[in-house]
Amino acid sequence: MNVALSFNNKLVTGSFDLYQNTPNPFASVTTIGFYLPEATSATLTISDVQGKVVRVIEGDYSKGHNTVNLKRDDFGAAGVLYYRLDAGSDSATRKMILVD
């Protein structure tokens, strides 16, 4: 029997995964979710389209699903932003849009 778990339409496979932020685009708050196969420290780096680092969030996260909540006040200007999660040898990048 092949069994898989799904949370909020996200398949839990047991491997590293960075999810799309929700909502996207956002005006006031957004949540970035990710899955870690083991407890570890991770760094979430948010950059603008020119590559300038806007915000860095470092932390120790548990095995499984984790989230980071971001507020509009965490950023300087609206527009397209990229967020990258680095955890051990794993890394992934996604795009988000901040609107006024």
PDB file of N, CA and C in Angstrom:
ATOM      1  N   MET A   1       0.846  -1.171   0.000  1.00  0.00           N
ATOM      2  CA  MET A   1       0.000   0.000   0.000  1.00  0.00           C
ATOM      3  C   MET A   1       0.895   1.238   0.000  1.00  0.00           C
ATOM      4  N   ASN A   2       0.665   2.161  -0.923  1.00  0.00           N
ATOM      5  CA  ASN A   2       1.434   3.394  -1.032  1.00  0.00           C
ATOM      6  C   ASN A   2       0.672   4.509  -0.332  1.00  0.00           C
ATOM      7  N   VAL A   3       1.211   5.025   0.784  1.00  0.00           N
ATOM      8  CA  VAL A   3       0.544   6.036   1.592  1.00  0.00           C
ATOM      9  C   VAL A   3       1.379   7.315   1.592  1.00  0.00           C
ATOM     10  N   ALA A   4       0.712   8.464   1.434  1.00  0.00           N
ATOM     11  CA  ALA A   4       1.389   9.757   1.484  1.00  0.00           C
ATOM     12  C   ALA A   4       0.521  10.719   2.279  1.00  0.00           C
ATOM     13  N   LEU A   5       1.163  11.633   2.989  1.00  0.00           N
ATOM     14  CA  LEU A   5       0.447  12.659   3.743  1.00  0.00           C
ATOM     15  C   LEU A   5       0.466  13.964   2.965  1.00  0.00           C
ATOM     16  N   SER A   6      -0.607  14.735   3.088  1.00  0.00           N
ATOM     17  CA  SER A   6      -0.691  16.025   2.435  1.00  0.00           C
ATOM     18  C   SER A   6      -1.257  17.034   3.424  1.00  0.00           C
ATOM     19  N   PHE A   7      -0.576  18.181   3.573  1.00  0.00           N
ATOM     20  CA  PHE A   7      -1.029  19.263   4.440  1.00  0.00           C
ATOM     21  C   PHE A   7      -1.195  20.500   3.580  1.00  0.00           C
ATOM     22  N   ASN A   8      -2.410  21.049   3.553  1.00  0.00           N
ATOM     23  CA  ASN A   8      -2.688  22.245   2.748  1.00  0.00           C
ATOM     24  C   ASN A   8      -2.222  22.061   1.311  1.00  0.00           C
ATOM     25  N   ASN A   9      -2.535  20.895   0.736  1.00  0.00           N
ATOM     26  CA  ASN A   9      -2.181  20.562  -0.643  1.00  0.00           C
ATOM     27  C   ASN A   9      -0.681  20.462  -0.878  1.00  0.00           C
ATOM     28  N   LYS A  10       0.095  20.271   0.179  1.00  0.00           N
ATOM     29  CA  LYS A  10       1.534  20.093   0.050  1.00  0.00           C
ATOM     30  C   LYS A  10       1.863  18.657   0.443  1.00  0.00           C
ATOM     31  N   LEU A  11       2.440  17.928  -0.460  1.00  0.00           N
ATOM     32  CA  LEU A  11       2.782  16.540  -0.227  1.00  0.00           C
ATOM     33  C   LEU A  11       4.012  16.464   0.658  1.00  0.00           C
ATOM     34  N   VAL A  12       3.930  15.698   1.735  1.00  0.00           N
ATOM     35  CA  VAL A  12       5.056  15.528   2.644  1.00  0.00           C
ATOM     36  C   VAL A  12       5.823  14.280   2.209  1.00  0.00           C
ATOM     37  N   THR A  13       7.004  14.486   1.680  1.00  0.00           N
ATOM     38  CA  THR A  13       7.784  13.384   1.141  1.00  0.00           C
ATOM     39  C   THR A  13       8.929  12.982   2.048  1.00  0.00           C
ATOM     40  N   GLY A  14       9.222  13.781   3.055  1.00  0.00           N
ATOM     41  CA  GLY A  14      10.339  13.479   3.933  1.00  0.00           C
ATOM     42  C   GLY A  14      11.643  14.074   3.457  1.00  0.00           C
ATOM     43  N   SER A  15      11.607  14.887   2.407  1.00  0.00           N
ATOM     44  CA  SER A  15      12.823  15.522   1.919  1.00  0.00           C
ATOM     45  C   SER A  15      12.689  17.043   2.017  1.00  0.00           C
ATOM     46  N   PHE A  16      13.815  17.712   1.928  1.00  0.00           N
ATOM     47  CA  PHE A  16      13.868  19.174   1.988  1.00  0.00           C
ATOM     48  C   PHE A  16      12.936  19.779   0.948  1.00  0.00           C
ATOM     49  N   ASP A  17      12.170  20.803   1.361  1.00  0.00           N
ATOM     50  CA  ASP A  17      11.285  21.480   0.418  1.00  0.00           C
ATOM     51  C   ASP A  17      11.003  22.893   0.904  1.00  0.00           C
ATOM     52  N   LEU A  18      11.029  23.842  -0.008  1.00  0.00           N
ATOM     53  CA  LEU A  18      10.670  25.233   0.266  1.00  0.00           C
ATOM     54  C   LEU A  18       9.375  25.517  -0.478  1.00  0.00           C
ATOM     55  N   TYR A  19       8.345  25.953   0.249  1.00  0.00           N
ATOM     56  CA  TYR A  19       7.035  26.176  -0.341  1.00  0.00           C
ATOM     57  C   TYR A  19       6.878  27.627  -0.795  1.00  0.00           C
ATOM     58  N   GLN A  20       5.921  27.833  -1.667  1.00  0.00           N
ATOM     59  CA  GLN A  20       5.583  29.189  -2.105  1.00  0.00           C
ATOM     60  C   GLN A  20       4.941  29.931  -0.942  1.00  0.00           C
ATOM     61  N   ASN A  21       5.316  31.191  -0.761  1.00  0.00           N
ATOM     62  CA  ASN A  21       4.708  31.986   0.315  1.00  0.00           C
ATOM     63  C   ASN A  21       3.216  32.170   0.055  1.00  0.00           C
ATOM     64  N   THR A  22       2.462  32.326   1.132  1.00  0.00           N
ATOM     65  CA  THR A  22       1.024  32.560   1.014  1.00  0.00           C
ATOM     66  C   THR A  22       0.621  33.687   1.946  1.00  0.00           C
ATOM     67  N   PRO A  23      -0.199  34.625   1.533  1.00  0.00           N
ATOM     68  CA  PRO A  23      -0.624  34.777   0.148  1.00  0.00           C
ATOM     69  C   PRO A  23       0.493  35.364  -0.704  1.00  0.00           C
ATOM     70  N   ASN A  24       0.362  35.220  -1.991  1.00  0.00           N
ATOM     71  CA  ASN A  24       1.315  35.786  -2.941  1.00  0.00           C
ATOM     72  C   ASN A  24       0.541  36.199  -4.183  1.00  0.00           C
ATOM     73  N   PRO A  25       0.513  37.476  -4.539  1.00  0.00           N
ATOM     74  CA  PRO A  25       1.183  38.606  -3.894  1.00  0.00           C
ATOM     75  C   PRO A  25       0.559  38.947  -2.545  1.00  0.00           C
ATOM     76  N   PHE A  26       1.306  39.721  -1.748  1.00  0.00           N
ATOM     77  CA  PHE A  26       0.812  40.123  -0.431  1.00  0.00           C
ATOM     78  C   PHE A  26       1.014  41.613  -0.214  1.00  0.00           C
ATOM     79  N   ALA A  27       0.186  42.179   0.680  1.00  0.00           N
ATOM     80  CA  ALA A  27       0.260  43.607   0.970  1.00  0.00           C
ATOM     81  C   ALA A  27       0.651  43.886   2.416  1.00  0.00           C
ATOM     82  N   SER A  28       0.281  43.011   3.349  1.00  0.00           N
ATOM     83  CA  SER A  28       0.573  43.294   4.754  1.00  0.00           C
ATOM     84  C   SER A  28       1.373  42.181   5.429  1.00  0.00           C
ATOM     85  N   VAL A  29       0.946  40.936   5.303  1.00  0.00           N
ATOM     86  CA  VAL A  29       1.675  39.812   5.912  1.00  0.00           C
ATOM     87  C   VAL A  29       1.692  38.619   4.959  1.00  0.00           C
ATOM     88  N   THR A  30       2.714  37.789   5.090  1.00  0.00           N
ATOM     89  CA  THR A  30       2.820  36.559   4.314  1.00  0.00           C
ATOM     90  C   THR A  30       3.531  35.506   5.155  1.00  0.00           C
ATOM     91  N   THR A  31       3.331  34.249   4.797  1.00  0.00           N
ATOM     92  CA  THR A  31       3.952  33.136   5.509  1.00  0.00           C
ATOM     93  C   THR A  31       4.742  32.288   4.527  1.00  0.00           C
ATOM     94  N   ILE A  32       5.976  31.993   4.897  1.00  0.00           N
ATOM     95  CA  ILE A  32       6.824  31.107   4.104  1.00  0.00           C
ATOM     96  C   ILE A  32       6.942  29.789   4.862  1.00  0.00           C
ATOM     97  N   GLY A  33       6.584  28.709   4.204  1.00  0.00           N
ATOM     98  CA  GLY A  33       6.668  27.389   4.805  1.00  0.00           C
ATOM     99  C   GLY A  33       7.767  26.572   4.169  1.00  0.00           C
ATOM    100  N   PHE A  34       8.314  25.656   4.944  1.00  0.00           N
ATOM    101  CA  PHE A  34       9.340  24.757   4.418  1.00  0.00           C
ATOM    102  C   PHE A  34       9.364  23.469   5.224  1.00  0.00           C
ATOM    103  N   TYR A  35       9.888  22.426   4.604  1.00  0.00           N
ATOM    104  CA  TYR A  35       9.976  21.118   5.241  1.00  0.00           C
ATOM    105  C   TYR A  35      11.444  20.732   5.359  1.00  0.00           C
ATOM    106  N   LEU A  36      11.844  20.332   6.569  1.00  0.00           N
ATOM    107  CA  LEU A  36      13.213  19.870   6.806  1.00  0.00           C
ATOM    108  C   LEU A  36      13.194  18.393   7.180  1.00  0.00           C
ATOM    109  N   PRO A  37      14.051  17.580   6.566  1.00  0.00           N
ATOM    110  CA  PRO A  37      14.083  16.152   6.870  1.00  0.00           C
ATOM    111  C   PRO A  37      14.672  15.837   8.238  1.00  0.00           C
ATOM    112  N   GLU A  38      15.357  16.815   8.838  1.00  0.00           N
ATOM    113  CA  GLU A  38      15.907  16.653  10.182  1.00  0.00           C
ATOM    114  C   GLU A  38      16.038  18.020  10.839  1.00  0.00           C
ATOM    115  N   ALA A  39      16.081  18.056  12.159  1.00  0.00           N
ATOM    116  CA  ALA A  39      16.252  19.320  12.884  1.00  0.00           C
ATOM    117  C   ALA A  39      17.623  19.893  12.543  1.00  0.00           C
ATOM    118  N   THR A  40      17.658  21.164  12.223  1.00  0.00           N
ATOM    119  CA  THR A  40      18.914  21.799  11.832  1.00  0.00           C
ATOM    120  C   THR A  40      18.772  23.317  11.889  1.00  0.00           C
ATOM    121  N   SER A  41      19.885  24.007  11.776  1.00  0.00           N
ATOM    122  CA  SER A  41      19.834  25.460  11.642  1.00  0.00           C
ATOM    123  C   SER A  41      19.644  25.781  10.161  1.00  0.00           C
ATOM    124  N   ALA A  42      18.957  26.885   9.897  1.00  0.00           N
ATOM    125  CA  ALA A  42      18.677  27.282   8.521  1.00  0.00           C
ATOM    126  C   ALA A  42      18.711  28.801   8.421  1.00  0.00           C
ATOM    127  N   THR A  43      18.980  29.274   7.215  1.00  0.00           N
ATOM    128  CA  THR A  43      19.018  30.708   6.948  1.00  0.00           C
ATOM    129  C   THR A  43      18.075  31.030   5.801  1.00  0.00           C
ATOM    130  N   LEU A  44      17.176  31.976   6.042  1.00  0.00           N
ATOM    131  CA  LEU A  44      16.263  32.466   5.020  1.00  0.00           C
ATOM    132  C   LEU A  44      16.753  33.851   4.618  1.00  0.00           C
ATOM    133  N   THR A  45      17.137  34.002   3.355  1.00  0.00           N
ATOM    134  CA  THR A  45      17.664  35.261   2.849  1.00  0.00           C
ATOM    135  C   THR A  45      16.688  35.836   1.834  1.00  0.00           C
ATOM    136  N   ILE A  46      16.288  37.085   2.043  1.00  0.00           N
ATOM    137  CA  ILE A  46      15.354  37.750   1.146  1.00  0.00           C
ATOM    138  C   ILE A  46      16.100  38.862   0.415  1.00  0.00           C
ATOM    139  N   SER A  47      15.983  38.838  -0.930  1.00  0.00           N
ATOM    140  CA  SER A  47      16.699  39.788  -1.770  1.00  0.00           C
ATOM    141  C   SER A  47      15.753  40.459  -2.749  1.00  0.00           C
ATOM    142  N   ASP A  48      16.150  41.653  -3.221  1.00  0.00           N
ATOM    143  CA  ASP A  48      15.366  42.309  -4.262  1.00  0.00           C
ATOM    144  C   ASP A  48      15.832  41.792  -5.628  1.00  0.00           C
ATOM    145  N   VAL A  49      15.240  42.292  -6.711  1.00  0.00           N
ATOM    146  CA  VAL A  49      15.563  41.788  -8.045  1.00  0.00           C
ATOM    147  C   VAL A  49      16.995  42.107  -8.474  1.00  0.00           C
ATOM    148  N   GLN A  50      17.620  43.076  -7.831  1.00  0.00           N
ATOM    149  CA  GLN A  50      18.997  43.428  -8.151  1.00  0.00           C
ATOM    150  C   GLN A  50      19.999  42.614  -7.335  1.00  0.00           C
ATOM    151  N   GLY A  51      19.491  41.743  -6.449  1.00  0.00           N
ATOM    152  CA  GLY A  51      20.369  40.901  -5.647  1.00  0.00           C
ATOM    153  C   GLY A  51      20.752  41.494  -4.307  1.00  0.00           C
ATOM    154  N   LYS A  52      20.270  42.685  -3.998  1.00  0.00           N
ATOM    155  CA  LYS A  52      20.563  43.321  -2.719  1.00  0.00           C
ATOM    156  C   LYS A  52      19.797  42.589  -1.616  1.00  0.00           C
ATOM    157  N   VAL A  53      20.516  42.180  -0.574  1.00  0.00           N
ATOM    158  CA  VAL A  53      19.883  41.478   0.537  1.00  0.00           C
ATOM    159  C   VAL A  53      19.049  42.455   1.347  1.00  0.00           C
ATOM    160  N   VAL A  54      17.759  42.131   1.499  1.00  0.00           N
ATOM    161  CA  VAL A  54      16.817  42.982   2.207  1.00  0.00           C
ATOM    162  C   VAL A  54      16.669  42.535   3.656  1.00  0.00           C
ATOM    163  N   ARG A  55      16.706  41.218   3.874  1.00  0.00           N
ATOM    164  CA  ARG A  55      16.514  40.681   5.228  1.00  0.00           C
ATOM    165  C   ARG A  55      17.112  39.291   5.310  1.00  0.00           C
ATOM    166  N   VAL A  56      17.697  38.966   6.457  1.00  0.00           N
ATOM    167  CA  VAL A  56      18.233  37.627   6.725  1.00  0.00           C
ATOM    168  C   VAL A  56      17.630  37.139   8.035  1.00  0.00           C
ATOM    169  N   ILE A  57      17.079  35.926   8.011  1.00  0.00           N
ATOM    170  CA  ILE A  57      16.494  35.319   9.205  1.00  0.00           C
ATOM    171  C   ILE A  57      17.209  33.993   9.438  1.00  0.00           C
ATOM    172  N   GLU A  58      17.864  33.884  10.577  1.00  0.00           N
ATOM    173  CA  GLU A  58      18.565  32.654  10.934  1.00  0.00           C
ATOM    174  C   GLU A  58      17.872  32.033  12.131  1.00  0.00           C
ATOM    175  N   GLY A  59      17.860  30.707  12.168  1.00  0.00           N
ATOM    176  CA  GLY A  59      17.226  30.046  13.295  1.00  0.00           C
ATOM    177  C   GLY A  59      17.498  28.558  13.307  1.00  0.00           C
ATOM    178  N   ASP A  60      17.145  27.948  14.421  1.00  0.00           N
ATOM    179  CA  ASP A  60      17.204  26.500  14.568  1.00  0.00           C
ATOM    180  C   ASP A  60      15.784  25.990  14.425  1.00  0.00           C
ATOM    181  N   TYR A  61      15.567  25.086  13.488  1.00  0.00           N
ATOM    182  CA  TYR A  61      14.230  24.614  13.167  1.00  0.00           C
ATOM    183  C   TYR A  61      14.118  23.115  13.393  1.00  0.00           C
ATOM    184  N   SER A  62      12.919  22.679  13.698  1.00  0.00           N
ATOM    185  CA  SER A  62      12.670  21.271  13.993  1.00  0.00           C
ATOM    186  C   SER A  62      12.487  20.465  12.711  1.00  0.00           C
ATOM    187  N   LYS A  63      12.580  19.166  12.848  1.00  0.00           N
ATOM    188  CA  LYS A  63      12.313  18.258  11.742  1.00  0.00           C
ATOM    189  C   LYS A  63      10.837  18.397  11.367  1.00  0.00           C
ATOM    190  N   GLY A  64      10.547  18.408  10.070  1.00  0.00           N
ATOM    191  CA  GLY A  64       9.171  18.512   9.616  1.00  0.00           C
ATOM    192  C   GLY A  64       8.839  19.890   9.075  1.00  0.00           C
ATOM    193  N   HIS A  65       7.560  20.229   9.136  1.00  0.00           N
ATOM    194  CA  HIS A  65       7.055  21.484   8.579  1.00  0.00           C
ATOM    195  C   HIS A  65       7.330  22.656   9.520  1.00  0.00           C
ATOM    196  N   ASN A  66       7.867  23.740   8.977  1.00  0.00           N
ATOM    197  CA  ASN A  66       8.162  24.963   9.727  1.00  0.00           C
ATOM    198  C   ASN A  66       7.629  26.155   8.936  1.00  0.00           C
ATOM    199  N   THR A  67       7.390  27.273   9.629  1.00  0.00           N
ATOM    200  CA  THR A  67       6.931  28.485   8.961  1.00  0.00           C
ATOM    201  C   THR A  67       7.658  29.706   9.509  1.00  0.00           C
ATOM    202  N   VAL A  68       7.752  30.720   8.657  1.00  0.00           N
ATOM    203  CA  VAL A  68       8.280  32.034   9.031  1.00  0.00           C
ATOM    204  C   VAL A  68       7.256  33.055   8.570  1.00  0.00           C
ATOM    205  N   ASN A  69       6.811  33.922   9.483  1.00  0.00           N
ATOM    206  CA  ASN A  69       5.843  34.973   9.160  1.00  0.00           C
ATOM    207  C   ASN A  69       6.578  36.282   8.927  1.00  0.00           C
ATOM    208  N   LEU A  70       6.209  36.968   7.868  1.00  0.00           N
ATOM    209  CA  LEU A  70       6.833  38.241   7.517  1.00  0.00           C
ATOM    210  C   LEU A  70       5.783  39.326   7.418  1.00  0.00           C
ATOM    211  N   LYS A  71       6.151  40.542   7.853  1.00  0.00           N
ATOM    212  CA  LYS A  71       5.253  41.691   7.796  1.00  0.00           C
ATOM    213  C   LYS A  71       5.761  42.694   6.769  1.00  0.00           C
ATOM    214  N   ARG A  72       4.864  43.495   6.263  1.00  0.00           N
ATOM    215  CA  ARG A  72       5.191  44.539   5.291  1.00  0.00           C
ATOM    216  C   ARG A  72       6.310  45.435   5.802  1.00  0.00           C
ATOM    217  N   ASP A  73       6.317  45.709   7.099  1.00  0.00           N
ATOM    218  CA  ASP A  73       7.326  46.582   7.702  1.00  0.00           C
ATOM    219  C   ASP A  73       8.732  45.995   7.638  1.00  0.00           C
ATOM    220  N   ASP A  74       8.857  44.685   7.329  1.00  0.00           N
ATOM    221  CA  ASP A  74      10.166  44.041   7.239  1.00  0.00           C
ATOM    222  C   ASP A  74      10.919  44.415   5.968  1.00  0.00           C
ATOM    223  N   PHE A  75      10.241  45.102   5.035  1.00  0.00           N
ATOM    224  CA  PHE A  75      10.819  45.403   3.733  1.00  0.00           C
ATOM    225  C   PHE A  75      10.774  46.893   3.452  1.00  0.00           C
ATOM    226  N   GLY A  76      11.699  47.352   2.618  1.00  0.00           N
ATOM    227  CA  GLY A  76      11.755  48.770   2.280  1.00  0.00           C
ATOM    228  C   GLY A  76      10.715  49.183   1.257  1.00  0.00           C
ATOM    229  N   ALA A  77      10.715  48.547   0.096  1.00  0.00           N
ATOM    230  CA  ALA A  77       9.828  48.958  -0.986  1.00  0.00           C
ATOM    231  C   ALA A  77       9.079  47.762  -1.550  1.00  0.00           C
ATOM    232  N   ALA A  78       7.989  48.054  -2.233  1.00  0.00           N
ATOM    233  CA  ALA A  78       7.187  47.002  -2.859  1.00  0.00           C
ATOM    234  C   ALA A  78       7.862  46.527  -4.144  1.00  0.00           C
ATOM    235  N   GLY A  79       7.452  45.362  -4.607  1.00  0.00           N
ATOM    236  CA  GLY A  79       7.981  44.830  -5.861  1.00  0.00           C
ATOM    237  C   GLY A  79       8.257  43.338  -5.754  1.00  0.00           C
ATOM    238  N   VAL A  80       9.036  42.859  -6.703  1.00  0.00           N
ATOM    239  CA  VAL A  80       9.397  41.444  -6.741  1.00  0.00           C
ATOM    240  C   VAL A  80      10.573  41.199  -5.807  1.00  0.00           C
ATOM    241  N   LEU A  81      10.438  40.174  -4.986  1.00  0.00           N
ATOM    242  CA  LEU A  81      11.494  39.770  -4.068  1.00  0.00           C
ATOM    243  C   LEU A  81      11.760  38.280  -4.245  1.00  0.00           C
ATOM    244  N   TYR A  82      12.969  37.859  -3.922  1.00  0.00           N
ATOM    245  CA  TYR A  82      13.322  36.441  -3.952  1.00  0.00           C
ATOM    246  C   TYR A  82      13.692  36.003  -2.548  1.00  0.00           C
ATOM    247  N   TYR A  83      13.297  34.801  -2.170  1.00  0.00           N
ATOM    248  CA  TYR A  83      13.713  34.263  -0.883  1.00  0.00           C
ATOM    249  C   TYR A  83      14.387  32.921  -1.087  1.00  0.00           C
ATOM    250  N   ARG A  84      15.510  32.736  -0.376  1.00  0.00           N
ATOM    251  CA  ARG A  84      16.309  31.520  -0.486  1.00  0.00           C
ATOM    252  C   ARG A  84      16.468  30.911   0.899  1.00  0.00           C
ATOM    253  N   LEU A  85      16.236  29.617   0.971  1.00  0.00           N
ATOM    254  CA  LEU A  85      16.425  28.884   2.217  1.00  0.00           C
ATOM    255  C   LEU A  85      17.646  28.000   2.077  1.00  0.00           C
ATOM    256  N   ASP A  86      18.595  28.155   2.998  1.00  0.00           N
ATOM    257  CA  ASP A  86      19.794  27.320   3.053  1.00  0.00           C
ATOM    258  C   ASP A  86      19.765  26.552   4.359  1.00  0.00           C
ATOM    259  N   ALA A  87      19.831  25.217   4.251  1.00  0.00           N
ATOM    260  CA  ALA A  87      19.844  24.350   5.436  1.00  0.00           C
ATOM    261  C   ALA A  87      20.800  23.200   5.152  1.00  0.00           C
ATOM    262  N   GLY A  88      21.964  23.248   5.777  1.00  0.00           N
ATOM    263  CA  GLY A  88      22.967  22.223   5.515  1.00  0.00           C
ATOM    264  C   GLY A  88      23.401  22.278   4.060  1.00  0.00           C
ATOM    265  N   SER A  89      23.323  21.156   3.367  1.00  0.00           N
ATOM    266  CA  SER A  89      23.715  21.119   1.955  1.00  0.00           C
ATOM    267  C   SER A  89      22.535  21.410   1.027  1.00  0.00           C
ATOM    268  N   ASP A  90      21.354  21.651   1.585  1.00  0.00           N
ATOM    269  CA  ASP A  90      20.159  21.919   0.783  1.00  0.00           C
ATOM    270  C   ASP A  90      19.927  23.418   0.623  1.00  0.00           C
ATOM    271  N   SER A  91      19.417  23.784  -0.547  1.00  0.00           N
ATOM    272  CA  SER A  91      19.107  25.177  -0.820  1.00  0.00           C
ATOM    273  C   SER A  91      17.994  25.238  -1.861  1.00  0.00           C
ATOM    274  N   ALA A  92      17.105  26.227  -1.722  1.00  0.00           N
ATOM    275  CA  ALA A  92      16.033  26.435  -2.695  1.00  0.00           C
ATOM    276  C   ALA A  92      15.657  27.913  -2.702  1.00  0.00           C
ATOM    277  N   THR A  93      15.180  28.384  -3.851  1.00  0.00           N
ATOM    278  CA  THR A  93      14.805  29.788  -4.020  1.00  0.00           C
ATOM    279  C   THR A  93      13.413  29.877  -4.642  1.00  0.00           C
ATOM    280  N   ARG A  94      12.655  30.873  -4.188  1.00  0.00           N
ATOM    281  CA  ARG A  94      11.325  31.144  -4.739  1.00  0.00           C
ATOM    282  C   ARG A  94      11.151  32.654  -4.879  1.00  0.00           C
ATOM    283  N   LYS A  95      10.136  33.037  -5.637  1.00  0.00           N
ATOM    284  CA  LYS A  95       9.847  34.455  -5.882  1.00  0.00           C
ATOM    285  C   LYS A  95       8.547  34.826  -5.186  1.00  0.00           C
ATOM    286  N   MET A  96       8.502  36.050  -4.629  1.00  0.00           N
ATOM    287  CA  MET A  96       7.265  36.572  -4.052  1.00  0.00           C
ATOM    288  C   MET A  96       7.092  38.018  -4.490  1.00  0.00           C
ATOM    289  N   ILE A  97       5.857  38.492  -4.397  1.00  0.00           N
ATOM    290  CA  ILE A  97       5.540  39.850  -4.843  1.00  0.00           C
ATOM    291  C   ILE A  97       4.882  40.614  -3.696  1.00  0.00           C
ATOM    292  N   LEU A  98       5.463  41.768  -3.396  1.00  0.00           N
ATOM    293  CA  LEU A  98       4.944  42.662  -2.368  1.00  0.00           C
ATOM    294  C   LEU A  98       4.287  43.849  -3.060  1.00  0.00           C
ATOM    295  N   VAL A  99       2.998  44.069  -2.787  1.00  0.00           N
ATOM    296  CA  VAL A  99       2.257  45.149  -3.433  1.00  0.00           C
ATOM    297  C   VAL A  99       1.895  46.222  -2.407  1.00  0.00           C
ATOM    298  N   ASP A 100       1.740  47.450  -2.893  1.00  0.00           N
ATOM    299  CA  ASP A 100       1.314  48.563  -2.029  1.00  0.00           C
ATOM    300  C   ASP A 100      -0.174  48.577  -1.905  1.00  0.00           C
TER     301      ASP A 100
END
